Amino acid sequence: EAQTETCTVAPRERQNCGFPGVTPSQCANKGCCFDDTVRGVPWCFYPNTIDVPPEEESEF
């Protein structure tokens, strides 16, 4: 089962990955997401991991 990471994380669900004043490049170096459009929540945060079902031919 494949897993993919996405930076689409609801602001209230963000897990802080950085530190105050972290830059986008520092954040990316940690493998995290950067989004400074929402005030009061972490701007550098861990991506969501999504389970991607294997691409198999399904017969309906």
Protein backbone atom coordinates (compact mmCIF):
# COMPACT_ATOMS: atom_id res chain seq x y z
CA GLU A 1 0.00 0.00 0.00
CA ALA A 2 1.50 3.27 -1.09
CA GLN A 3 1.56 6.37 1.03
CA THR A 4 1.75 9.91 -0.19
CA GLU A 5 2.31 13.12 1.70
CA THR A 6 0.24 16.23 1.28
CA CYS A 7 0.55 19.70 2.68
CA THR A 8 -3.21 20.08 2.78
CA VAL A 9 -3.60 20.06 6.55
CA ALA A 10 -6.37 21.90 8.37
CA PRO A 11 -4.79 24.73 10.39
CA ARG A 12 -6.11 23.38 13.69
CA GLU A 13 -4.66 19.96 12.91
CA ARG A 14 -1.14 21.14 12.12
CA GLN A 15 1.70 19.59 14.10
CA ASN A 16 4.43 22.17 14.53
CA CYS A 17 7.61 21.13 12.74
CA GLY A 18 9.61 24.32 12.99
CA PHE A 19 10.43 27.04 15.46
CA PRO A 20 9.56 30.73 15.69
CA GLY A 21 11.07 32.53 12.70
CA VAL A 22 11.73 29.39 10.67
CA THR A 23 12.25 30.13 6.98
CA PRO A 24 10.59 28.23 4.15
CA SER A 25 13.92 26.67 3.17
CA GLN A 26 14.70 25.58 6.73
CA CYS A 27 11.25 24.07 6.92
CA ALA A 28 11.68 22.22 3.63
CA ASN A 29 15.03 20.88 4.81
CA LYS A 30 13.17 19.21 7.68
CA GLY A 31 10.81 17.58 5.18
CA CYS A 32 7.90 19.69 6.33
CA CYS A 33 5.35 22.04 4.82
CA PHE A 34 5.42 25.82 4.95
CA ASP A 35 2.30 27.97 4.76
CA ASP A 36 2.30 31.43 6.28
CA THR A 37 -1.18 32.42 5.12
CA VAL A 38 -2.93 31.48 8.38
CA ARG A 39 -2.10 33.47 11.50
CA GLY A 40 -1.98 31.85 14.93
CA VAL A 41 -1.11 28.34 13.74
CA PRO A 42 2.24 26.72 12.91
CA TRP A 43 3.60 27.92 9.59
CA CYS A 44 6.01 25.01 9.39
CA PHE A 45 4.16 21.75 9.94
CA TYR A 46 4.33 18.06 9.23
CA PRO A 47 2.58 16.89 6.08
CA ASN A 48 -0.41 14.58 6.24
CA THR A 49 0.24 11.02 5.16
CA ILE A 50 -2.50 9.63 2.97
CA ASP A 51 -3.00 5.96 2.28
CA VAL A 52 -3.30 5.48 -1.45
CA PRO A 53 -5.07 2.27 -2.47
CA PRO A 54 -3.08 0.22 -4.97
CA GLU A 55 -4.16 0.76 -8.52
CA GLU A 56 -5.85 -2.49 -9.36
CA GLU A 57 -8.44 -3.09 -11.98
CA SER A 58 -11.74 -3.39 -10.16
CA GLU A 59 -14.63 -5.25 -11.73
CA PHE A 60 -18.01 -3.90 -10.78
